[in-house]
Amino acid sequence: MTDYYEAFDISPVPPPGPDVKPPEIFRGIYGMPMFVTVPTPDLAASVNFWTRGLGFIDLFTVPGQVTHLRRWAFQDVLLVPTGALPAPSTVSIGFSCVLSQVDEIAQACTALVPGCTSEPRKTPWNTVELEVITPENARVIMTAARPFDPDSAEARHLKENGYMLPQGGETA
């Protein structure tokens, strides 16, 4: 990228000031450039705390597997049951990539630390994920969006819940 922008042109965080108002909660669907995954022994209690206490919304839930929370744009948190993660990682963080990078990243990491990656897997939220355990024992998930199928179960869920479909789709 050769263009430079003022930081507040691309950030949901408003410029500081005495009368500044927070932005609205962002309910749109976008490719998350980065997100954090938080393991929890009690998914319902965690969702309650994050929504009622921290002001996040439950953007999307796959019962018993994941709850995708959001506040402002680019403030995404995935809550997952503790049994859904390998033990014990000190931190779990996700970064976006594209499909053509998944195998390349897996090969590069495996060449450096054999056995540090999982097989890429398709998710119910329309991505392919590669799990990498770093030398520091951090769990890094490289996430690549799959092409969106407007006739898929994911599309039906979005339509039924009033969300705008990705790639200019219709609303419910």
C-alpha atoms as a PDB file:
ATOM      1  CA  MET A   1       0.000   0.000   0.000  1.00  0.00           C
ATOM      2  CA  THR A   2       1.539   3.270  -1.052  1.00  0.00           C
ATOM      3  CA  ASP A   3      -1.201   5.610   0.141  1.00  0.00           C
ATOM      4  CA  TYR A   4      -1.176   7.052   3.627  1.00  0.00           C
ATOM      5  CA  TYR A   5      -4.302   8.027   5.516  1.00  0.00           C
ATOM      6  CA  GLU A   6      -5.052   9.861   8.678  1.00  0.00           C
ATOM      7  CA  ALA A   7      -5.614   7.169  11.304  1.00  0.00           C
ATOM      8  CA  PHE A   8      -9.117   8.381  12.105  1.00  0.00           C
ATOM      9  CA  ASP A   9     -10.189   8.053   8.447  1.00  0.00           C
ATOM     10  CA  ILE A  10     -10.190   4.255   8.699  1.00  0.00           C
ATOM     11  CA  SER A  11     -10.756   3.757  12.414  1.00  0.00           C
ATOM     12  CA  PRO A  12     -14.125   3.513  14.150  1.00  0.00           C
ATOM     13  CA  VAL A  13     -12.553   5.339  17.104  1.00  0.00           C
ATOM     14  CA  PRO A  14     -13.565   9.014  16.973  1.00  0.00           C
ATOM     15  CA  PRO A  15     -10.955  11.757  17.323  1.00  0.00           C
ATOM     16  CA  PRO A  16     -10.532  12.735  20.980  1.00  0.00           C
ATOM     17  CA  GLY A  17     -12.454  15.697  22.328  1.00  0.00           C
ATOM     18  CA  PRO A  18     -14.518  16.822  25.307  1.00  0.00           C
ATOM     19  CA  ASP A  19     -17.921  16.199  23.679  1.00  0.00           C
ATOM     20  CA  VAL A  20     -17.053  13.174  21.541  1.00  0.00           C
ATOM     21  CA  LYS A  21     -19.765  10.550  21.145  1.00  0.00           C
ATOM     22  CA  PRO A  22     -19.003   6.849  20.713  1.00  0.00           C
ATOM     23  CA  PRO A  23     -19.792   5.273  17.354  1.00  0.00           C
ATOM     24  CA  GLU A  24     -22.809   3.044  16.996  1.00  0.00           C
ATOM     25  CA  ILE A  25     -22.405  -0.703  17.319  1.00  0.00           C
ATOM     26  CA  PHE A  26     -21.513  -2.011  13.871  1.00  0.00           C
ATOM     27  CA  ARG A  27     -23.837  -4.820  12.733  1.00  0.00           C
ATOM     28  CA  GLY A  28     -22.542  -5.266   9.190  1.00  0.00           C
ATOM     29  CA  ILE A  29     -20.779  -8.359   7.911  1.00  0.00           C
ATOM     30  CA  TYR A  30     -17.163  -7.822   6.843  1.00  0.00           C
ATOM     31  CA  GLY A  31     -13.910  -9.721   6.599  1.00  0.00           C
ATOM     32  CA  MET A  32     -12.404  -9.379  10.078  1.00  0.00           C
ATOM     33  CA  PRO A  33      -8.794  -8.221   9.751  1.00  0.00           C
ATOM     34  CA  MET A  34      -8.058  -9.486  13.265  1.00  0.00           C
ATOM     35  CA  PHE A  35      -9.983 -10.937  16.194  1.00  0.00           C
ATOM     36  CA  VAL A  36      -9.431 -12.555  19.554  1.00  0.00           C
ATOM     37  CA  THR A  37     -10.735 -15.959  20.632  1.00  0.00           C
ATOM     38  CA  VAL A  38     -11.589 -16.317  24.311  1.00  0.00           C
ATOM     39  CA  PRO A  39     -12.085 -19.805  25.762  1.00  0.00           C
ATOM     40  CA  THR A  40     -14.751 -20.072  28.461  1.00  0.00           C
ATOM     41  CA  PRO A  41     -16.031 -22.865  30.712  1.00  0.00           C
ATOM     42  CA  ASP A  42     -19.537 -21.292  30.677  1.00  0.00           C
ATOM     43  CA  LEU A  43     -20.473 -19.875  27.284  1.00  0.00           C
ATOM     44  CA  ALA A  44     -23.846 -18.460  28.416  1.00  0.00           C
ATOM     45  CA  ALA A  45     -22.338 -16.657  31.427  1.00  0.00           C
ATOM     46  CA  SER A  46     -19.552 -15.239  29.283  1.00  0.00           C
ATOM     47  CA  VAL A  47     -21.981 -13.989  26.627  1.00  0.00           C
ATOM     48  CA  ASN A  48     -24.036 -12.374  29.389  1.00  0.00           C
ATOM     49  CA  PHE A  49     -20.984 -10.617  30.850  1.00  0.00           C
ATOM     50  CA  TRP A  50     -19.588  -9.407  27.519  1.00  0.00           C
ATOM     51  CA  THR A  51     -22.975  -8.140  26.300  1.00  0.00           C
ATOM     52  CA  ARG A  52     -24.449  -6.675  29.489  1.00  0.00           C
ATOM     53  CA  GLY A  53     -21.169  -5.546  31.045  1.00  0.00           C
ATOM     54  CA  LEU A  54     -18.846  -4.630  28.183  1.00  0.00           C
ATOM     55  CA  GLY A  55     -21.494  -3.483  25.695  1.00  0.00           C
ATOM     56  CA  PHE A  56     -20.902  -6.053  22.946  1.00  0.00           C
ATOM     57  CA  ILE A  57     -23.724  -7.570  20.879  1.00  0.00           C
ATOM     58  CA  ASP A  58     -24.215 -11.226  19.994  1.00  0.00           C
ATOM     59  CA  LEU A  59     -23.651 -10.894  16.256  1.00  0.00           C
ATOM     60  CA  PHE A  60     -23.812 -14.618  15.486  1.00  0.00           C
ATOM     61  CA  THR A  61     -24.009 -17.842  17.486  1.00  0.00           C
ATOM     62  CA  VAL A  62     -23.441 -21.463  16.556  1.00  0.00           C
ATOM     63  CA  PRO A  63     -24.972 -23.081  19.667  1.00  0.00           C
ATOM     64  CA  GLY A  64     -22.388 -24.848  21.797  1.00  0.00           C
ATOM     65  CA  GLN A  65     -19.524 -23.975  19.409  1.00  0.00           C
ATOM     66  CA  VAL A  66     -18.948 -20.234  19.132  1.00  0.00           C
ATOM     67  CA  THR A  67     -20.524 -16.867  19.848  1.00  0.00           C
ATOM     68  CA  HIS A  68     -19.271 -13.993  17.706  1.00  0.00           C
ATOM     69  CA  LEU A  69     -19.452 -10.747  19.676  1.00  0.00           C
ATOM     70  CA  ARG A  70     -18.958  -7.236  18.328  1.00  0.00           C
ATOM     71  CA  ARG A  71     -18.870  -3.657  19.607  1.00  0.00           C
ATOM     72  CA  TRP A  72     -17.548  -1.112  17.140  1.00  0.00           C
ATOM     73  CA  ALA A  73     -16.247  -2.070  13.706  1.00  0.00           C
ATOM     74  CA  PHE A  74     -13.134  -4.234  14.049  1.00  0.00           C
ATOM     75  CA  GLN A  75     -13.836  -5.058  17.714  1.00  0.00           C
ATOM     76  CA  ASP A  76     -14.636  -8.732  17.247  1.00  0.00           C
ATOM     77  CA  VAL A  77     -14.426 -11.424  19.936  1.00  0.00           C
ATOM     78  CA  LEU A  78     -15.151 -15.115  19.477  1.00  0.00           C
ATOM     79  CA  LEU A  79     -16.210 -16.921  22.656  1.00  0.00           C
ATOM     80  CA  VAL A  80     -15.679 -20.684  22.492  1.00  0.00           C
ATOM     81  CA  PRO A  81     -16.195 -23.471  25.027  1.00  0.00           C
ATOM     82  CA  THR A  82     -12.891 -24.430  26.689  1.00  0.00           C
ATOM     83  CA  GLY A  83     -13.161 -27.937  25.270  1.00  0.00           C
ATOM     84  CA  ALA A  84     -13.081 -26.483  21.741  1.00  0.00           C
ATOM     85  CA  LEU A  85      -9.443 -25.380  22.084  1.00  0.00           C
ATOM     86  CA  PRO A  86      -6.313 -27.414  22.582  1.00  0.00           C
ATOM     87  CA  ALA A  87      -4.777 -26.984  26.016  1.00  0.00           C
ATOM     88  CA  PRO A  88      -3.066 -24.991  27.281  1.00  0.00           C
ATOM     89  CA  SER A  89      -2.514 -21.887  25.179  1.00  0.00           C
ATOM     90  CA  THR A  90      -1.920 -18.552  26.819  1.00  0.00           C
ATOM     91  CA  VAL A  91      -3.489 -16.519  24.029  1.00  0.00           C
ATOM     92  CA  SER A  92      -5.563 -17.200  20.946  1.00  0.00           C
ATOM     93  CA  ILE A  93      -5.684 -14.635  18.170  1.00  0.00           C
ATOM     94  CA  GLY A  94      -6.967 -14.674  14.614  1.00  0.00           C
ATOM     95  CA  PHE A  95      -5.647 -12.920  11.535  1.00  0.00           C
ATOM     96  CA  SER A  96      -7.213 -12.706   8.092  1.00  0.00           C
ATOM     97  CA  CYS A  97      -5.529 -14.082   5.013  1.00  0.00           C
ATOM     98  CA  VAL A  98      -6.759 -15.265   1.622  1.00  0.00           C
ATOM     99  CA  LEU A  99      -7.402 -18.850   0.532  1.00  0.00           C
ATOM    100  CA  SER A 100      -4.260 -19.048  -1.585  1.00  0.00           C
ATOM    101  CA  GLN A 101      -2.133 -18.263   1.488  1.00  0.00           C
ATOM    102  CA  VAL A 102      -3.425 -21.020   3.791  1.00  0.00           C
ATOM    103  CA  ASP A 103      -1.248 -23.844   2.424  1.00  0.00           C
ATOM    104  CA  GLU A 104       1.729 -21.517   1.966  1.00  0.00           C
ATOM    105  CA  ILE A 105       1.568 -20.425   5.621  1.00  0.00           C
ATOM    106  CA  ALA A 106       1.132 -24.031   6.803  1.00  0.00           C
ATOM    107  CA  GLN A 107       4.190 -25.160   4.837  1.00  0.00           C
ATOM    108  CA  ALA A 108       6.346 -22.257   6.033  1.00  0.00           C
ATOM    109  CA  CYS A 109       5.419 -22.782   9.688  1.00  0.00           C
ATOM    110  CA  THR A 110       5.850 -26.547   9.491  1.00  0.00           C
ATOM    111  CA  ALA A 111       9.308 -26.084   7.952  1.00  0.00           C
ATOM    112  CA  LEU A 112      10.269 -23.940  10.944  1.00  0.00           C
ATOM    113  CA  VAL A 113       8.553 -25.996  13.678  1.00  0.00           C
ATOM    114  CA  PRO A 114       7.367 -29.433  12.529  1.00  0.00           C
ATOM    115  CA  GLY A 115       3.919 -30.326  13.859  1.00  0.00           C
ATOM    116  CA  CYS A 116       2.918 -26.775  14.785  1.00  0.00           C
ATOM    117  CA  THR A 117      -0.048 -26.577  12.392  1.00  0.00           C
ATOM    118  CA  SER A 118      -3.373 -28.349  12.072  1.00  0.00           C
ATOM    119  CA  GLU A 119      -5.054 -29.383   8.853  1.00  0.00           C
ATOM    120  CA  PRO A 120      -7.036 -26.441   7.431  1.00  0.00           C
ATOM    121  CA  ARG A 121     -10.736 -26.808   8.255  1.00  0.00           C
ATOM    122  CA  LYS A 122     -13.951 -25.341   6.886  1.00  0.00           C
ATOM    123  CA  THR A 123     -16.095 -23.525   9.460  1.00  0.00           C
ATOM    124  CA  PRO A 124     -19.850 -22.884   9.726  1.00  0.00           C
ATOM    125  CA  TRP A 125     -19.089 -19.150   9.377  1.00  0.00           C
ATOM    126  CA  ASN A 126     -17.869 -19.594   5.790  1.00  0.00           C
ATOM    127  CA  THR A 127     -14.102 -19.606   6.264  1.00  0.00           C
ATOM    128  CA  VAL A 128     -11.149 -21.943   6.097  1.00  0.00           C
ATOM    129  CA  GLU A 129      -9.019 -21.838   9.238  1.00  0.00           C
ATOM    130  CA  LEU A 130      -5.453 -22.919   9.832  1.00  0.00           C
ATOM    131  CA  GLU A 131      -4.393 -23.294  13.463  1.00  0.00           C
ATOM    132  CA  VAL A 132      -0.742 -22.607  14.270  1.00  0.00           C
ATOM    133  CA  ILE A 133       0.869 -22.992  17.710  1.00  0.00           C
ATOM    134  CA  THR A 134       3.831 -20.636  17.934  1.00  0.00           C
ATOM    135  CA  PRO A 135       7.070 -21.294  19.840  1.00  0.00           C
ATOM    136  CA  GLU A 136       5.635 -19.117  22.660  1.00  0.00           C
ATOM    137  CA  ASN A 137       2.585 -21.425  22.810  1.00  0.00           C
ATOM    138  CA  ALA A 138       0.273 -18.788  21.340  1.00  0.00           C
ATOM    139  CA  ARG A 139      -2.596 -20.171  19.272  1.00  0.00           C
ATOM    140  CA  VAL A 140      -2.791 -18.251  15.994  1.00  0.00           C
ATOM    141  CA  ILE A 141      -5.695 -18.856  13.634  1.00  0.00           C
ATOM    142  CA  MET A 142      -5.170 -17.766  10.051  1.00  0.00           C
ATOM    143  CA  THR A 143      -8.667 -17.298   8.601  1.00  0.00           C
ATOM    144  CA  ALA A 144      -9.518 -17.108   4.902  1.00  0.00           C
ATOM    145  CA  ALA A 145     -13.029 -16.338   3.693  1.00  0.00           C
ATOM    146  CA  ARG A 146     -14.593 -18.842   1.318  1.00  0.00           C
ATOM    147  CA  PRO A 147     -16.582 -17.605  -1.676  1.00  0.00           C
ATOM    148  CA  PHE A 148     -20.093 -16.826  -0.465  1.00  0.00           C
ATOM    149  CA  ASP A 149     -22.867 -19.135  -1.679  1.00  0.00           C
ATOM    150  CA  PRO A 150     -26.188 -17.222  -1.616  1.00  0.00           C
ATOM    151  CA  ASP A 151     -28.080 -20.552  -1.418  1.00  0.00           C
ATOM    152  CA  SER A 152     -26.119 -21.913   1.576  1.00  0.00           C
ATOM    153  CA  ALA A 153     -27.268 -22.534   5.146  1.00  0.00           C
ATOM    154  CA  GLU A 154     -25.163 -19.537   6.167  1.00  0.00           C
ATOM    155  CA  ALA A 155     -27.047 -17.301   3.713  1.00  0.00           C
ATOM    156  CA  ARG A 156     -30.410 -18.583   4.982  1.00  0.00           C
ATOM    157  CA  HIS A 157     -29.366 -17.810   8.572  1.00  0.00           C
ATOM    158  CA  LEU A 158     -28.321 -14.274   7.645  1.00  0.00           C
ATOM    159  CA  LYS A 159     -31.545 -13.653   5.714  1.00  0.00           C
ATOM    160  CA  GLU A 160     -33.705 -15.053   8.533  1.00  0.00           C
ATOM    161  CA  ASN A 161     -32.012 -12.744  11.030  1.00  0.00           C
ATOM    162  CA  GLY A 162     -32.251  -9.596   8.912  1.00  0.00           C
ATOM    163  CA  TYR A 163     -28.570  -9.238   7.999  1.00  0.00           C
ATOM    164  CA  MET A 164     -27.286  -7.859   4.740  1.00  0.00           C
ATOM    165  CA  LEU A 165     -25.758 -10.622   2.660  1.00  0.00           C
ATOM    166  CA  PRO A 166     -22.085 -10.269   1.686  1.00  0.00           C
ATOM    167  CA  GLN A 167     -21.234  -9.232  -1.883  1.00  0.00           C
ATOM    168  CA  GLY A 168     -24.305  -7.056  -2.370  1.00  0.00           C
ATOM    169  CA  GLY A 169     -26.930  -9.680  -1.502  1.00  0.00           C
ATOM    170  CA  GLU A 170     -30.505  -8.960  -0.579  1.00  0.00           C
ATOM    171  CA  THR A 171     -31.784  -8.366   2.945  1.00  0.00           C
ATOM    172  CA  ALA A 172     -34.563 -10.357   4.505  1.00  0.00           C
END
